[in-house]
Each structure stands twice: as C-alpha cells, then as structure tokens.
Protein backbone atom coordinates (compact mmCIF):
# COMPACT_ATOMS: atom_id res chain seq x y z
CA UNK A 1 28.26 124.99 66.68
CA UNK A 2 26.58 122.77 64.13
CA UNK A 3 25.91 122.75 60.44
CA UNK A 4 22.80 121.01 59.15
CA UNK A 5 22.42 119.13 62.43
CA UNK A 6 26.05 117.84 62.43
CA UNK A 7 28.10 119.01 65.39
CA UNK A 8 31.39 120.46 64.10
CA UNK A 9 32.88 121.75 67.37
CA UNK A 10 32.04 122.83 70.88
CA UNK A 11 33.63 124.74 73.75
CA UNK A 12 33.42 123.51 77.31
CA UNK A 13 35.50 123.80 80.47
CA UNK A 14 38.18 121.52 78.96
CA UNK A 15 38.62 123.64 75.83
CA UNK A 16 37.74 123.26 72.15
CA UNK A 17 36.53 119.82 71.01
CA UNK A 18 35.80 118.78 67.45
CA UNK A 19 32.89 116.71 66.12
CA UNK A 20 31.23 114.59 68.80
CA UNK A 21 34.42 114.10 70.84
CA UNK A 22 33.89 114.61 74.58
CA UNK A 23 37.32 113.52 75.89
CA UNK A 24 39.19 116.10 77.96
CA UNK A 25 42.46 114.59 76.62
CA UNK A 26 41.55 115.69 73.09
CA UNK A 27 40.53 119.25 73.97
CA UNK A 28 42.52 122.14 72.55
CA UNK A 29 43.02 124.45 75.50
CA UNK A 30 45.93 126.65 74.47
CA UNK A 31 46.80 128.70 71.40
CA UNK A 32 49.14 131.67 71.27
CA UNK A 33 51.39 133.58 68.93
CA UNK A 34 54.26 135.88 69.77
CA UNK A 35 57.87 136.89 69.29
CA UNK A 36 61.08 135.83 71.01
CA UNK A 37 64.69 137.01 70.90
CA UNK A 38 67.11 134.49 69.36
CA UNK A 39 70.73 134.54 70.53
CA UNK A 40 73.83 132.85 69.09
CA UNK A 41 76.32 131.66 71.68
CA UNK A 42 78.29 128.77 73.11
CA UNK A 43 77.18 126.38 75.85
CA UNK A 44 80.07 127.63 77.97
CA UNK A 45 79.72 131.38 77.48
CA UNK A 46 77.65 134.07 75.79
CA UNK A 47 80.00 136.95 75.08
CA UNK A 48 79.45 140.29 73.36
CA UNK A 49 77.79 140.51 69.92
CA UNK A 50 76.52 143.35 67.78
CA UNK A 51 73.31 142.02 66.26
CA UNK A 52 72.04 143.41 62.97
CA UNK A 53 68.93 141.18 63.07
CA UNK A 54 67.19 139.27 65.85
CA UNK A 55 63.83 138.49 64.28
CA UNK A 56 61.80 135.55 65.56
CA UNK A 57 58.22 134.42 66.01
CA UNK A 58 56.40 131.47 67.48
CA UNK A 59 53.05 129.74 67.40
CA UNK A 60 52.08 127.44 70.27
CA UNK A 61 49.14 125.09 69.78
CA UNK A 62 48.52 122.88 72.79
CA UNK A 63 51.95 121.49 73.70
CA UNK A 64 53.47 121.96 70.20
CA UNK A 65 55.72 124.96 69.59
CA UNK A 66 56.63 126.19 66.10
CA UNK A 67 59.53 128.69 65.93
CA UNK A 68 61.11 130.62 63.11
CA UNK A 69 64.12 132.91 63.45
CA UNK A 70 66.70 135.06 61.70
CA UNK A 71 69.85 136.27 63.45
CA UNK A 72 72.51 138.47 61.89
CA UNK A 73 75.61 140.00 63.46
CA UNK A 74 78.51 142.16 62.33
CA UNK A 75 80.88 141.69 65.28
CA UNK A 76 81.32 139.36 68.22
CA UNK A 77 83.81 138.13 70.80
CA UNK A 78 84.65 134.44 71.17
CA UNK A 79 82.25 132.11 73.00
CA UNK A 80 83.20 128.75 74.48
CA UNK A 81 81.52 125.36 74.33
CA UNK A 82 79.28 124.03 71.56
CA UNK A 83 77.48 126.37 69.13
CA UNK A 84 73.82 126.91 70.07
CA UNK A 85 70.85 129.11 69.23
CA UNK A 86 69.09 130.06 72.47
CA UNK A 87 66.25 132.15 73.80
CA UNK A 88 63.36 129.76 73.05
CA UNK A 89 60.10 131.04 74.53
CA UNK A 90 59.25 127.60 76.03
CA UNK A 91 61.30 124.73 77.44
CA UNK A 92 61.82 121.63 75.26
CA UNK A 93 59.99 118.68 76.82
CA UNK A 94 60.49 115.80 74.40
CA UNK A 95 63.76 116.18 72.51
CA UNK A 96 63.16 112.92 70.62
CA UNK A 97 60.28 114.61 68.75
CA UNK A 98 62.02 117.96 68.17
CA UNK A 99 63.18 118.97 64.69
CA UNK A 100 64.99 121.94 63.28
CA UNK A 101 66.48 123.17 60.04
CA UNK A 102 68.89 126.00 59.39
CA UNK A 103 70.60 127.96 56.66
CA UNK A 104 73.32 130.51 57.10
CA UNK A 105 76.27 132.33 55.67
CA UNK A 106 79.80 132.85 56.92
CA UNK A 107 79.61 129.88 59.29
CA UNK A 108 82.70 127.77 59.96
CA UNK A 109 82.07 124.02 60.22
CA UNK A 110 85.37 123.55 62.08
CA UNK A 111 87.18 123.88 58.74
CA UNK A 112 85.63 120.63 57.54
CA UNK A 113 85.41 120.72 53.77
CA UNK A 114 83.41 117.50 53.68
CA UNK A 115 80.45 118.65 55.80
CA UNK A 116 77.44 116.95 54.21
CA UNK A 117 74.58 118.47 56.15
CA UNK A 118 73.77 120.60 59.17
CA UNK A 119 70.68 120.46 61.37
CA UNK A 120 69.67 121.22 64.94
CA UNK A 121 69.77 118.96 68.01
CA UNK A 122 67.72 119.36 71.19
CA UNK A 123 67.97 118.40 74.86
CA UNK A 124 65.09 118.01 77.30
CA UNK A 125 64.49 120.81 79.82
CA UNK A 126 66.46 123.38 77.77
CA UNK A 127 65.53 126.52 75.85
CA UNK A 128 68.10 126.17 73.08
CA UNK A 129 69.21 123.99 70.18
CA UNK A 130 72.69 122.73 69.35
CA UNK A 131 74.05 123.06 65.85
CA UNK A 132 74.57 119.52 64.55
CA UNK A 133 76.57 118.47 61.50
CA UNK A 134 77.78 115.35 59.79
CA UNK A 135 80.83 114.66 57.71
CA UNK A 136 80.11 111.19 56.43
CA UNK A 137 76.37 110.59 56.79
CA UNK A 138 77.07 108.52 59.90
CA UNK A 139 79.01 110.54 62.46
CA UNK A 140 77.24 113.59 63.87
CA UNK A 141 79.12 116.25 65.83
CA UNK A 142 78.38 119.58 67.52
CA UNK A 143 80.77 122.24 66.21
CA UNK A 144 82.49 124.52 68.71
CA UNK A 145 81.03 128.01 69.09
CA UNK A 146 84.44 129.36 68.25
CA UNK A 147 85.12 129.16 65.26
CA UNK A 148 81.55 128.22 64.10
CA UNK A 149 80.18 131.70 64.81
CA UNK A 150 82.42 133.91 62.68
CA UNK A 151 82.98 137.62 63.34
CA UNK A 152 80.10 138.41 60.95
CA UNK A 153 77.31 136.22 59.65
CA UNK A 154 73.67 135.25 59.57
CA UNK A 155 71.62 132.19 60.38
CA UNK A 156 67.95 131.43 59.74
CA UNK A 157 65.92 128.47 60.84
CA UNK A 158 62.68 126.84 61.84
CA UNK A 159 62.05 124.55 64.79
CA UNK A 160 59.23 122.32 66.04
CA UNK A 161 59.15 120.81 69.53
CA UNK A 162 56.92 119.74 72.43
CA UNK A 163 56.75 121.59 75.73
CA UNK A 164 55.11 121.17 79.13
CA UNK A 165 54.72 124.95 79.48
C-alpha cells in the first residue's frame, strides 16, 4: 500500500515489510494473541493448590513474547525446589534478553527482612521463570518454593522474552 506515491508497507511470501525494505530477514511473519494458564510451583514438585485466579494473556510478535499474569490461591501443599511461575505458552530461547517484574502479597522471602528487590530470572529452553531476589544489591538468590509460596497469596507480573517457536 502507498500514500501519495510513497510505499508504506507490502505483503509478500516472506511476510509484512515496511517502506521499501525487501529483506526476508526484516519481514514480520507472525503475530498472535491468546491466553495461557500460569502455575505457581517449585522446580522439584508441583503439588496441590486451590487457585482463586489464574488469569494470563500473551502477545507474540515475530520471536518476541509479551506475557502478563495474575495468580491467586487460598490453599496449597508444600512444593520442593526453587519458586517458579510456569506454564508459559512458548519456550524461552534467549534468557539473556528476558525480563520480568512481579508484585505480590503474602509471599515469604525466606524470612529475610532485608530483601531489597524481587524480579524474575529465566533459563533457555524452559517455559517458566524463577523468582529472584537480592538482599544487598549484589547477591541474588532464588527463594525456595516452600516457604516462598504461602498457604494463601497472590502474585502478578509481566514478562518479555524471545522464543524460537
């Protein structure tokens, strides 16, 4: 399509290209939106929970995935391993470019009163994110699923990552 003789975009077998670009590498060939089911658990086990909320959506543009989620629960049994949020709709490809933020209530940062910040940490070829926290702005740790996930609570977050899917 053009406007006043200036080509703004075009579709071809490679996908959507903008301006006068003809490179297949720059073509947008995938866009989708949908929902996914977030789960709180440990890396070692995923035991019983009674979820009050499991709301999540995603937008995938090319190889970039944008997630948002809200998980609430009013009972659970103990999980083992590190605390994670799982159920991502696509596998993480480049963990070095993945980011995530979270907020929650009734979470236990291993009884550390000097927790400065919490974030999310990613691993390649996985469909989950670790909870990550720091005590002193220099040492980052992954809290254990038990006691991090309390018997009741809620967590919300947003995540951006690359995928090969």
